[in-house]
């Protein structure tokens, strides 16, 4: 399987990469009848329709077409060729939008990238022309810069030789923005051949502005010859040679991007864990990867995390909700609340949010403003099978897929709302998880079953202490909670001893790869949490 080079992955992780999407990428679209053209195919279409010499370059063919039939007819010919009413994103489009880019440049006229972002519920802005460039979304969403216009903004389309020759004069702000970004960012070209007019035009802009400071360009190619890859390096072009091995280019690209997302997630997760030792237990890599089964890996991750990631809009009026409602309820549950602006480190914030969701024990989402970023993060948390509590100050007008969820509504009385939120957290981490332990045991994932049972046991003990008014510290260990409960006569000495044994068993399962838990040990954990559940409250 082909992979992105490590230096390029590192640049993507640190938000130091900018992708350029060309016409070749659009060929991966799903079109009911026919296919999307790349530059060469579009040139042939225009040449055939206009009876023009097909040996001319694409921009010159377009120039001649415009001279013979007019610019409107030329653009309409392009529109017919791009199937705007029928084309849908391919697998590679959907995989690409999972990569953490805050800015994408594209020379494509179609809307496939925008459609893919919409389908994935990822927030984005599409910017066409210099007057829209100041509305770049920054780090809160992906900005798609249509540097050659698109089918909704025909006045900005760059297609003819004259358009290319006058680009720097007509669009100096775009050229300056692009050059400024490429001082510190590595360009990644997807959907371009090395002779593509758009590829050559972009490189000409960069060289005109940066000269010797031009960074290495990465270009995705398929089944390239080794000698061509070596020769390209002399022009500061690093070819990412994707081997199709009999599969479609769409499928090969989708695999390339999916593997990159997986490695980026691992990198971001490792950074997050190392940056907050107060929130995460140290867990050796071999233990984390001991099971390739997703549910088992998730159980081990949650067991060693006390993170409750909070998905909430960046607005001053939500600060009070976060500080006075969410944080106290979370801390009373023995967890640590963190929201996106509290994550330290470099990189695109969306990737950091993904990592926080993946490494959390649970999440809370405030959907009061129907904020698109929060809704995307909620969808990602649900796809990752994370326990999620949804809150809102208004339950009217919710999206249909959210309206059916259990939502904790809050009003001015945050004290009452805090009690409801605390109860919802307890339910998500206890009563709603027994079946997961049973499924892990049935699948033979005893290590993961013990880890998940440990999460349930910890929160059952905390809830029992809260309901019996037994004072405990927010981050008290199991044995400390059990001792306090025994002193209050909430549990007997045998149950307290069983909790202490369970804590030792859980620690061995999570931290010691040489320890192989048995069915009997996993079953004993399940029996214990059932016994705690039956304790009178």
Protein backbone atom coordinates (compact mmCIF):
# COMPACT_ATOMS: atom_id res chain seq x y z
CA UNK A 1 0.00 0.00 0.00
CA UNK A 2 1.30 3.46 -0.91
CA UNK A 3 1.96 5.99 1.86
CA UNK A 4 2.60 9.70 2.20
CA UNK A 5 6.26 10.39 3.09
CA UNK A 6 6.93 11.08 6.76
CA UNK A 7 8.20 14.69 6.24
CA UNK A 8 4.96 15.52 4.38
CA UNK A 9 2.84 13.87 7.11
CA UNK A 10 4.70 15.93 9.72
CA UNK A 11 3.96 19.12 7.77
CA UNK A 12 0.27 18.19 7.51
CA UNK A 13 0.13 17.47 11.25
CA UNK A 14 1.69 20.85 12.03
CA UNK A 15 -0.56 22.78 9.59
CA UNK A 16 2.42 23.45 7.32
CA UNK A 17 1.00 21.90 4.15
CA UNK A 18 -1.34 23.34 1.53
CA UNK A 19 -3.00 21.03 -1.00
CA UNK A 20 -3.75 21.96 -4.60
CA UNK A 21 -6.56 20.02 -6.25
CA UNK A 22 -6.56 19.65 -10.03
CA UNK A 23 -8.86 18.27 -12.71
CA UNK A 24 -7.39 14.78 -12.48
CA UNK A 25 -8.87 14.42 -8.99
CA UNK A 26 -12.35 15.10 -10.36
CA UNK A 27 -12.09 12.02 -12.58
CA UNK A 28 -12.76 10.02 -9.41
CA UNK A 29 -16.31 11.42 -9.23
CA UNK A 30 -19.32 9.17 -9.63
CA UNK A 31 -21.16 10.10 -12.83
CA UNK A 32 -24.21 8.03 -13.92
CA UNK A 33 -23.45 8.29 -17.64
CA UNK A 34 -19.91 9.12 -18.69
CA UNK A 35 -16.97 10.45 -16.68
CA UNK A 36 -15.43 13.70 -15.54
CA UNK A 37 -12.74 15.07 -17.87
CA UNK A 38 -9.22 16.02 -16.85
CA UNK A 39 -7.36 18.84 -18.62
CA UNK A 40 -6.40 16.65 -21.59
CA UNK A 41 -9.93 15.32 -22.01
CA UNK A 42 -11.46 18.79 -21.73
CA UNK A 43 -9.01 20.03 -24.36
CA UNK A 44 -10.12 17.25 -26.70
CA UNK A 45 -13.81 18.05 -26.09
CA UNK A 46 -13.32 21.74 -26.93
CA UNK A 47 -11.14 20.94 -29.93
CA UNK A 48 -13.68 18.47 -31.36
CA UNK A 49 -16.64 20.81 -30.83
CA UNK A 50 -14.82 23.78 -32.34
CA UNK A 51 -12.93 21.92 -35.08
CA UNK A 52 -9.67 23.18 -33.54
CA UNK A 53 -6.20 21.66 -33.80
CA UNK A 54 -6.10 19.24 -30.86
CA UNK A 55 -2.29 19.34 -30.78
CA UNK A 56 -2.43 22.85 -29.32
CA UNK A 57 -2.14 23.32 -25.57
CA UNK A 58 -5.34 23.37 -23.52
CA UNK A 59 -5.33 27.15 -22.91
CA UNK A 60 -4.70 27.82 -26.61
CA UNK A 61 -7.55 25.53 -27.66
CA UNK A 62 -9.82 27.38 -25.20
CA UNK A 63 -8.57 30.71 -26.57
CA UNK A 64 -9.41 29.69 -30.12
CA UNK A 65 -12.82 28.36 -29.02
CA UNK A 66 -13.58 31.70 -27.35
CA UNK A 67 -12.42 33.61 -30.45
CA UNK A 68 -14.72 31.57 -32.72
CA UNK A 69 -17.83 31.21 -30.55
CA UNK A 70 -17.57 33.69 -27.70
CA UNK A 71 -16.78 33.36 -23.99
CA UNK A 72 -20.30 32.47 -22.89
CA UNK A 73 -20.42 29.54 -25.33
CA UNK A 74 -16.98 28.40 -24.20
CA UNK A 75 -18.04 28.35 -20.54
CA UNK A 76 -21.28 26.54 -21.42
CA UNK A 77 -19.24 23.90 -23.25
CA UNK A 78 -17.18 23.42 -20.09
CA UNK A 79 -20.35 23.24 -17.98
CA UNK A 80 -21.81 20.46 -20.17
CA UNK A 81 -18.57 18.50 -19.87
CA UNK A 82 -18.51 18.63 -16.05
CA UNK A 83 -21.98 17.10 -15.43
CA UNK A 84 -22.82 19.64 -12.69
CA UNK A 85 -26.26 18.12 -12.01
CA UNK A 86 -25.14 14.50 -11.86
CA UNK A 87 -21.53 14.25 -10.61
CA UNK A 88 -21.09 13.10 -7.01
CA UNK A 89 -17.91 12.82 -4.90
CA UNK A 90 -16.02 9.53 -5.15
CA UNK A 91 -14.45 7.47 -2.38
CA UNK A 92 -11.23 9.46 -2.65
CA UNK A 93 -13.09 12.76 -2.23
CA UNK A 94 -14.74 11.52 0.96
CA UNK A 95 -11.42 10.21 2.29
CA UNK A 96 -9.61 13.44 1.39
CA UNK A 97 -11.94 15.70 3.41
CA UNK A 98 -10.99 13.81 6.59
CA UNK A 99 -7.45 15.19 6.29
CA UNK A 100 -6.76 18.23 8.53
CA UNK A 101 -6.34 21.13 6.09
CA UNK A 102 -7.42 24.65 7.00
CA UNK A 103 -6.82 25.91 3.44
CA UNK A 104 -7.23 24.18 0.08
CA UNK A 105 -6.43 25.73 -3.27
CA UNK A 106 -8.14 24.30 -6.33
CA UNK A 107 -8.14 25.14 -10.02
CA UNK A 108 -11.26 23.02 -10.59
CA UNK A 109 -14.52 24.57 -11.77
CA UNK A 110 -16.72 21.81 -10.30
CA UNK A 111 -18.13 21.68 -6.75
CA UNK A 112 -17.10 18.13 -5.83
CA UNK A 113 -14.88 19.14 -2.93
CA UNK A 114 -17.64 21.29 -1.47
CA UNK A 115 -20.11 18.43 -1.89
CA UNK A 116 -17.75 16.07 -0.08
CA UNK A 117 -17.33 18.46 2.85
CA UNK A 118 -21.10 18.91 3.05
CA UNK A 119 -21.69 15.14 2.98
CA UNK A 120 -19.13 14.66 5.75
CA UNK A 121 -20.76 17.50 7.76
CA UNK A 122 -17.38 19.22 7.98
CA UNK A 123 -17.51 23.03 8.18
CA UNK A 124 -16.01 24.87 5.21
CA UNK A 125 -16.09 28.08 3.24
CA UNK A 126 -15.77 28.34 -0.53
CA UNK A 127 -13.98 31.52 -1.60
CA UNK A 128 -14.01 32.77 -5.19
CA UNK A 129 -12.27 35.94 -6.33
CA UNK A 130 -10.23 38.46 -4.42
CA UNK A 131 -13.18 40.16 -2.71
CA UNK A 132 -14.01 36.93 -0.84
CA UNK A 133 -10.44 36.17 0.24
CA UNK A 134 -10.66 38.31 3.43
CA UNK A 135 -13.41 35.94 4.64
CA UNK A 136 -10.96 33.06 5.13
CA UNK A 137 -12.31 30.92 7.98
CA UNK A 138 -9.01 30.73 9.84
CA UNK A 139 -8.69 27.63 12.03
CA UNK A 140 -12.41 27.13 12.69
CA UNK A 141 -13.22 25.64 9.26
CA UNK A 142 -11.59 24.69 5.97
CA UNK A 143 -11.36 27.46 3.37
CA UNK A 144 -11.55 26.25 -0.24
CA UNK A 145 -10.01 28.89 -2.50
CA UNK A 146 -11.23 28.54 -6.09
CA UNK A 147 -8.31 30.33 -7.70
CA UNK A 148 -9.63 29.83 -11.26
CA UNK A 149 -13.32 30.46 -10.48
CA UNK A 150 -16.10 27.89 -10.68
CA UNK A 151 -19.44 27.18 -12.32
CA UNK A 152 -21.22 29.52 -9.90
CA UNK A 153 -18.83 32.41 -10.56
CA UNK A 154 -18.22 32.31 -14.31
CA UNK A 155 -16.72 35.81 -14.31
CA UNK A 156 -13.66 34.46 -12.50
CA UNK A 157 -13.02 31.41 -14.69
CA UNK A 158 -9.42 31.08 -15.87
CA UNK A 159 -9.25 28.88 -18.97
CA UNK A 160 -7.83 30.60 -22.05
CA UNK A 161 -4.21 31.47 -22.76
CA UNK A 162 -5.06 35.13 -22.19
CA UNK A 163 -6.58 34.27 -18.80
CA UNK A 164 -3.34 32.58 -17.73
CA UNK A 165 -1.15 35.37 -19.08
CA UNK A 166 -3.16 38.01 -17.21
CA UNK A 167 -3.64 36.07 -13.97
CA UNK A 168 -1.04 37.95 -11.93
CA UNK A 169 -2.43 41.27 -13.17
CA UNK A 170 -6.10 40.41 -12.57
CA UNK A 171 -5.62 38.58 -9.26
CA UNK A 172 -2.57 40.05 -7.47
CA UNK A 173 -4.09 39.49 -4.00
CA UNK A 174 -4.61 35.77 -4.63
CA UNK A 175 -1.08 35.48 -6.01
CA UNK A 176 0.32 37.31 -2.97
CA UNK A 177 -1.73 35.19 -0.51
CA UNK A 178 -0.61 32.01 -2.23
CA UNK A 179 3.05 33.05 -2.25
CA UNK A 180 2.91 34.13 1.40
CA UNK A 181 1.44 30.77 2.46
CA UNK A 182 4.07 28.86 0.51
CA UNK A 183 6.88 30.60 2.34
CA UNK A 184 6.09 28.37 5.33
CA UNK A 185 3.90 25.64 3.82
CA UNK A 186 4.71 22.65 1.67
CA UNK A 187 2.62 22.30 -1.50
CA UNK A 188 0.87 19.00 -2.21
CA UNK A 189 -0.51 18.63 -5.75
CA UNK A 190 -3.32 16.12 -6.32
CA UNK A 191 -4.89 15.64 -9.75
CA UNK A 192 -2.15 17.26 -11.82
CA UNK A 193 0.26 15.88 -14.38
CA UNK A 194 3.73 17.40 -14.49
CA UNK A 195 2.81 19.08 -17.79
CA UNK A 196 -0.62 20.27 -16.66
CA UNK A 197 -1.08 23.98 -17.51
CA UNK A 198 -2.50 24.64 -14.05
CA UNK A 199 0.43 22.92 -12.33
CA UNK A 200 2.92 24.89 -14.42
CA UNK A 201 1.01 28.13 -13.82
CA UNK A 202 0.98 27.71 -10.04
CA UNK A 203 4.67 26.89 -9.94
CA UNK A 204 5.38 29.92 -12.15
CA UNK A 205 3.53 32.16 -9.68
CA UNK A 206 5.49 30.73 -6.76
CA UNK A 207 8.84 30.98 -8.51
CA UNK A 208 8.13 34.55 -9.59
CA UNK A 209 7.52 35.53 -5.95
CA UNK A 210 9.83 33.22 -3.98
CA UNK A 211 12.67 32.31 -6.33
CA UNK A 212 15.32 30.27 -4.50
CA UNK A 213 13.09 30.06 -1.39
CA UNK A 214 10.64 27.75 -3.20
CA UNK A 215 9.91 24.68 -1.07
CA UNK A 216 9.85 21.09 -2.30
CA UNK A 217 6.58 20.28 -4.10
CA UNK A 218 4.90 16.89 -3.60
CA UNK A 219 2.89 15.59 -6.55
CA UNK A 220 0.64 12.51 -6.49
CA UNK A 221 1.17 10.33 -9.56
CA UNK A 222 0.09 6.79 -10.44
CA UNK A 223 2.38 3.91 -11.36
CA UNK A 224 5.27 6.23 -12.27
CA UNK A 225 8.63 4.92 -13.45
CA UNK A 226 11.46 5.08 -10.91
CA UNK A 227 13.65 7.08 -13.27
CA UNK A 228 10.90 9.67 -13.69
CA UNK A 229 10.65 10.03 -9.91
CA UNK A 230 14.41 10.55 -9.62
CA UNK A 231 14.47 13.05 -12.48
CA UNK A 232 11.66 15.08 -10.94
CA UNK A 233 13.72 15.64 -7.79
CA UNK A 234 16.10 17.77 -9.86
CA UNK A 235 13.18 20.20 -10.36
CA UNK A 236 12.35 20.16 -6.61
CA UNK A 237 9.36 17.90 -7.27
CA UNK A 238 8.88 14.82 -5.08
CA UNK A 239 6.56 12.33 -6.77
CA UNK A 240 4.31 10.33 -4.45
CA UNK A 241 4.10 7.20 -6.56
CA UNK A 242 0.73 5.52 -5.93
CA UNK A 243 0.69 1.90 -7.09
CA UNK A 244 -2.76 0.91 -8.26
CA UNK A 245 -2.03 -2.84 -8.47
CA UNK A 246 -5.16 -3.45 -10.50
CA UNK A 247 -7.56 -1.33 -8.46
CA UNK A 248 -9.11 1.96 -9.53
CA UNK A 249 -7.31 5.22 -8.96
CA UNK A 250 -10.24 6.30 -6.84
CA UNK A 251 -9.78 3.29 -4.57
CA UNK A 252 -5.99 3.68 -4.41
CA UNK A 253 -6.28 7.34 -3.45
CA UNK A 254 -8.95 6.59 -0.85
CA UNK A 255 -6.60 4.07 0.79
CA UNK A 256 -3.70 6.54 0.66
CA UNK A 257 -5.73 9.24 2.40
CA UNK A 258 -7.31 6.85 4.93
CA UNK A 259 -3.87 5.58 5.98
CA UNK A 260 -2.65 9.17 6.31
CA UNK A 261 -5.65 10.06 8.51
CA UNK A 262 -4.96 7.04 10.71
CA UNK A 263 -1.30 8.01 11.20
CA UNK A 264 -2.18 11.66 11.82
CA UNK A 265 -4.77 10.63 14.42
CA UNK A 266 -2.19 8.47 16.17
CA UNK A 267 0.32 11.32 16.17
CA UNK A 268 -2.20 13.86 17.49
CA UNK A 269 -3.45 11.43 20.14
CA UNK A 270 0.09 10.74 21.34
CA UNK A 271 0.79 14.47 21.57
CA UNK A 272 -2.40 15.08 23.52
CA UNK A 273 -1.72 12.29 26.00
CA UNK A 274 1.86 13.40 26.63
CA UNK A 275 0.77 17.02 27.12
CA UNK A 276 -1.76 16.20 29.87
CA UNK A 277 -0.35 13.59 32.26
CA UNK A 278 -2.94 14.79 34.77
CA UNK A 279 -5.71 13.51 32.51
CA UNK A 280 -4.25 10.36 30.97
CA UNK A 281 -2.58 7.34 32.50
CA UNK A 282 0.64 6.25 30.84
CA UNK A 283 -0.13 3.34 28.57
CA UNK A 284 2.57 1.48 26.70
CA UNK A 285 2.11 1.39 22.93
CA UNK A 286 2.22 -2.45 22.78
CA UNK A 287 -0.72 -2.63 25.18
CA UNK A 288 -2.73 -0.13 23.11
CA UNK A 289 -2.18 -2.10 19.91
CA UNK A 290 -2.42 -5.55 21.49
CA UNK A 291 -5.88 -5.86 19.99
CA UNK A 292 -6.72 -4.66 16.50
CA UNK A 293 -10.42 -4.97 17.27
CA UNK A 294 -11.82 -1.41 17.42
CA UNK A 295 -14.11 -1.99 20.43
CA UNK A 296 -11.26 -3.52 22.43
CA UNK A 297 -8.88 -0.68 21.56
CA UNK A 298 -11.57 1.88 22.51
CA UNK A 299 -12.10 0.22 25.89
CA UNK A 300 -8.39 0.41 26.70
CA UNK A 301 -8.27 4.06 25.62
CA UNK A 302 -11.29 5.09 27.71
CA UNK A 303 -10.07 3.18 30.74
CA UNK A 304 -6.85 5.20 30.89
CA UNK A 305 -8.52 8.57 30.25
CA UNK A 306 -10.34 10.92 32.59
CA UNK A 307 -11.01 13.40 29.78
CA UNK A 308 -14.51 14.65 29.12
CA UNK A 309 -14.22 16.61 25.89
CA UNK A 310 -16.71 19.46 25.66
CA UNK A 311 -18.03 20.49 22.26
CA UNK A 312 -19.36 24.01 22.65
CA UNK A 313 -19.43 27.17 20.50
CA UNK A 314 -16.64 29.73 20.81
CA UNK A 315 -18.77 32.60 22.14
CA UNK A 316 -18.61 34.66 25.33
CA UNK A 317 -22.13 33.75 26.46
CA UNK A 318 -21.20 30.05 26.48
CA UNK A 319 -18.27 30.65 28.85
CA UNK A 320 -20.66 30.85 31.81
CA UNK A 321 -22.35 27.61 30.74
CA UNK A 322 -19.00 25.91 30.50
CA UNK A 323 -17.63 27.24 33.81
CA UNK A 324 -20.74 27.10 35.99
CA UNK A 325 -22.66 24.16 34.55
CA UNK A 326 -20.44 21.74 32.67
CA UNK A 327 -17.11 21.88 34.52
CA UNK A 328 -18.58 21.34 38.03
CA UNK A 329 -20.78 18.43 36.88
CA UNK A 330 -17.84 16.80 35.12
CA UNK A 331 -15.45 17.25 38.05
CA UNK A 332 -18.04 15.85 40.48
CA UNK A 333 -18.04 12.77 38.22
CA UNK A 334 -14.29 12.35 38.67
CA UNK A 335 -13.41 13.59 35.18
CA UNK A 336 -11.62 16.59 33.69
CA UNK A 337 -13.45 18.87 31.28
CA UNK A 338 -11.49 20.27 28.34
CA UNK A 339 -12.78 22.26 25.39
CA UNK A 340 -11.02 22.99 22.09
CA UNK A 341 -9.44 26.31 23.09
CA UNK A 342 -7.80 24.62 26.08
CA UNK A 343 -5.82 22.18 23.94
CA UNK A 344 -2.19 23.22 23.67
CA UNK A 345 0.16 22.52 20.79
CA UNK A 346 0.59 23.30 17.11
CA UNK A 347 -1.50 22.01 14.23
CA UNK A 348 -4.96 22.44 12.74
CA UNK A 349 -7.54 22.71 15.53
CA UNK A 350 -9.90 20.28 13.78
CA UNK A 351 -7.27 17.52 14.01
CA UNK A 352 -6.70 18.30 17.70
CA UNK A 353 -10.44 18.08 18.30
CA UNK A 354 -10.59 14.69 16.57
CA UNK A 355 -7.76 13.45 18.79
CA UNK A 356 -9.46 14.78 21.93
CA UNK A 357 -12.69 13.01 21.03
CA UNK A 358 -10.87 9.76 20.27
CA UNK A 359 -8.91 9.85 23.54
CA UNK A 360 -11.77 10.96 25.78
CA UNK A 361 -13.76 8.79 28.14
CA UNK A 362 -16.90 10.65 27.13
CA UNK A 363 -18.08 13.89 25.50
CA UNK A 364 -20.62 16.64 26.13
CA UNK A 365 -22.10 18.63 23.24
CA UNK A 366 -23.95 21.93 23.61
CA UNK A 367 -26.04 22.29 20.46
CA UNK A 368 -27.91 25.44 21.53
CA UNK A 369 -26.84 27.50 18.52
CA UNK A 370 -26.93 24.64 15.98
CA UNK A 371 -23.25 25.51 15.51
CA UNK A 372 -21.91 23.61 12.46
CA UNK A 373 -18.58 22.89 14.16
CA UNK A 374 -20.33 21.42 17.20
CA UNK A 375 -22.67 19.36 15.02
CA UNK A 376 -19.69 17.98 13.05
CA UNK A 377 -17.85 17.12 16.27
CA UNK A 378 -21.01 15.48 17.65
CA UNK A 379 -21.29 13.37 14.51
CA UNK A 380 -17.64 12.36 14.76
CA UNK A 381 -18.05 11.40 18.42
CA UNK A 382 -21.08 9.28 17.56
CA UNK A 383 -19.21 7.57 14.70
CA UNK A 384 -16.43 6.80 17.18
CA UNK A 385 -19.05 5.24 19.52
CA UNK A 386 -18.19 7.62 22.35
CA UNK A 387 -20.65 8.12 25.21
CA UNK A 388 -22.13 11.58 24.58
CA UNK A 389 -24.42 13.78 26.65
CA UNK A 390 -26.20 16.41 24.55
CA UNK A 391 -27.37 19.63 26.19
CA UNK A 392 -29.20 22.69 24.86
CA UNK A 393 -31.04 25.77 26.09
CA UNK A 394 -33.60 25.28 23.31
CA UNK A 395 -34.82 22.02 21.79
CA UNK A 396 -36.79 23.60 18.96
CA UNK A 397 -35.66 23.46 15.35
CA UNK A 398 -33.07 20.75 15.83
CA UNK A 399 -31.80 18.66 12.90
CA UNK A 400 -33.88 15.49 12.58
CA UNK A 401 -30.97 13.18 13.43
CA UNK A 402 -30.29 15.15 16.63
CA UNK A 403 -33.89 15.80 17.67
CA UNK A 404 -34.41 12.08 18.31
CA UNK A 405 -31.57 12.01 20.87
CA UNK A 406 -31.97 12.40 24.63
CA UNK A 407 -31.19 16.07 25.28
CA UNK A 408 -30.65 17.74 28.66
CA UNK A 409 -32.30 21.13 28.52
CA UNK A 410 -30.96 23.91 30.72
CA UNK A 411 -32.31 27.32 31.62
CA UNK A 412 -31.29 30.14 33.96
CA UNK A 413 -31.22 27.76 36.97
CA UNK A 414 -27.84 26.16 36.37
CA UNK A 415 -27.82 24.42 39.76
CA UNK A 416 -30.79 22.25 38.80
CA UNK A 417 -29.35 21.71 35.35
CA UNK A 418 -26.06 20.61 36.92
CA UNK A 419 -27.83 17.84 38.83
CA UNK A 420 -29.49 16.65 35.62
CA UNK A 421 -26.19 16.75 33.77
CA UNK A 422 -24.42 14.83 36.53
CA UNK A 423 -27.10 12.13 36.37
CA UNK A 424 -26.83 11.93 32.58
CA UNK A 425 -23.04 11.52 32.80
CA UNK A 426 -23.46 8.71 35.32
CA UNK A 427 -25.98 6.94 33.10
CA UNK A 428 -23.79 7.13 30.02
CA UNK A 429 -20.79 5.70 31.91
CA UNK A 430 -22.60 3.02 33.90
CA UNK A 431 -26.11 1.84 33.08
CA UNK A 432 -25.60 2.16 29.36
CA UNK A 433 -22.37 0.11 29.20
CA UNK A 434 -23.04 -3.34 30.69
CA UNK A 435 -23.82 -4.81 27.29
CA UNK A 436 -20.43 -3.68 25.98
CA UNK A 437 -18.64 -5.68 28.69
CA UNK A 438 -20.73 -8.74 27.88
CA UNK A 439 -19.97 -8.37 24.16
CA UNK A 440 -16.22 -8.08 24.80
CA UNK A 441 -16.27 -11.20 26.98
CA UNK A 442 -18.23 -13.08 24.32
CA UNK A 443 -15.65 -11.99 21.72
CA UNK A 444 -12.77 -13.25 23.88
CA UNK A 445 -11.43 -9.71 24.49
CA UNK A 446 -10.90 -10.27 28.20
CA UNK A 447 -8.33 -7.48 28.62
CA UNK A 448 -10.69 -4.92 27.10
CA UNK A 449 -13.68 -6.31 29.03
CA UNK A 450 -11.83 -5.80 32.31
CA UNK A 451 -10.84 -2.27 31.26
CA UNK A 452 -14.42 -1.34 30.39
CA UNK A 453 -15.79 -2.95 33.54
CA UNK A 454 -13.29 -0.82 35.46
CA UNK A 455 -14.75 2.36 33.97
CA UNK A 456 -18.25 1.28 35.00
CA UNK A 457 -17.12 0.25 38.50
CA UNK A 458 -15.39 3.56 39.18
CA UNK A 459 -18.48 5.58 38.32
CA UNK A 460 -20.86 3.23 40.14
CA UNK A 461 -18.79 3.75 43.30
CA UNK A 462 -18.80 7.53 42.79
CA UNK A 463 -22.55 7.63 42.29
CA UNK A 464 -23.14 5.46 45.34
CA UNK A 465 -20.98 7.82 47.41
CA UNK A 466 -22.85 10.86 46.07
CA UNK A 467 -26.27 9.38 46.80
CA UNK A 468 -25.23 8.35 50.34
CA UNK A 469 -23.61 11.78 50.94
CA UNK A 470 -20.25 10.13 51.55
CA UNK A 471 -17.54 12.79 50.98
CA UNK A 472 -14.77 11.78 48.56
CA UNK A 473 -12.11 13.69 46.66
CA UNK A 474 -12.78 14.40 42.96
CA UNK A 475 -9.86 12.22 41.86
CA UNK A 476 -10.04 9.60 44.62
CA UNK A 477 -8.86 6.09 43.76
CA UNK A 478 -11.19 3.09 43.84
CA UNK A 479 -9.87 1.73 47.13
CA UNK A 480 -10.27 5.16 48.76
CA UNK A 481 -13.89 5.37 47.62
CA UNK A 482 -14.52 1.79 48.72
CA UNK A 483 -13.00 2.46 52.18
CA UNK A 484 -15.22 5.53 52.59
CA UNK A 485 -18.28 3.52 51.56
CA UNK A 486 -17.45 0.73 54.01
CA UNK A 487 -17.06 3.24 56.86
CA UNK A 488 -20.53 4.51 55.99
CA UNK A 489 -21.81 0.90 55.95
CA UNK A 490 -22.84 1.31 52.30
CA UNK A 491 -20.83 -1.81 51.39
CA UNK A 492 -19.47 -4.66 53.50
CA UNK A 493 -15.86 -5.66 54.03
CA UNK A 494 -16.05 -8.41 51.41
CA UNK A 495 -17.24 -6.01 48.74
CA UNK A 496 -14.49 -3.54 49.67
CA UNK A 497 -11.89 -6.30 49.34
CA UNK A 498 -13.38 -7.30 45.97
CA UNK A 499 -13.03 -3.70 44.77
CA UNK A 500 -9.37 -3.67 45.79
CA UNK A 501 -8.78 -6.96 43.93
CA UNK A 502 -10.60 -5.54 40.91
CA UNK A 503 -8.36 -2.47 40.91
CA UNK A 504 -5.25 -4.67 40.86
CA UNK A 505 -6.73 -6.83 38.09
CA UNK A 506 -7.64 -3.79 35.99
CA UNK A 507 -4.15 -2.26 36.38
CA UNK A 508 -2.50 -5.50 35.29
CA UNK A 509 -4.81 -5.84 32.27
CA UNK A 510 -4.27 -2.27 31.11
CA UNK A 511 -0.56 -1.81 31.81
CA UNK A 512 1.06 -5.25 31.56
CA UNK A 513 1.20 -6.85 28.13
CA UNK A 514 2.70 -10.03 29.61
CA UNK A 515 -0.40 -10.52 31.74
CA UNK A 516 -3.08 -12.57 29.96
CA UNK A 517 -6.48 -12.17 31.63
CA UNK A 518 -8.76 -15.17 31.76
CA UNK A 519 -12.47 -15.60 31.15
CA UNK A 520 -12.97 -16.16 34.87
CA UNK A 521 -11.25 -12.89 35.76
CA UNK A 522 -13.28 -10.91 33.23
CA UNK A 523 -16.46 -12.54 34.47
CA UNK A 524 -15.54 -11.70 38.07
CA UNK A 525 -15.36 -7.99 37.10
CA UNK A 526 -18.78 -8.19 35.48
CA UNK A 527 -20.21 -9.92 38.56
CA UNK A 528 -18.75 -7.22 40.82
CA UNK A 529 -20.31 -4.29 38.94
CA UNK A 530 -23.64 -6.12 39.03
CA UNK A 531 -23.25 -6.55 42.80
CA UNK A 532 -22.49 -2.82 43.24
CA UNK A 533 -25.54 -1.98 41.14
CA UNK A 534 -27.72 -3.98 43.55
CA UNK A 535 -26.45 -2.09 46.63
CA UNK A 536 -29.37 -0.13 48.19
CA UNK A 537 -29.05 3.58 47.40
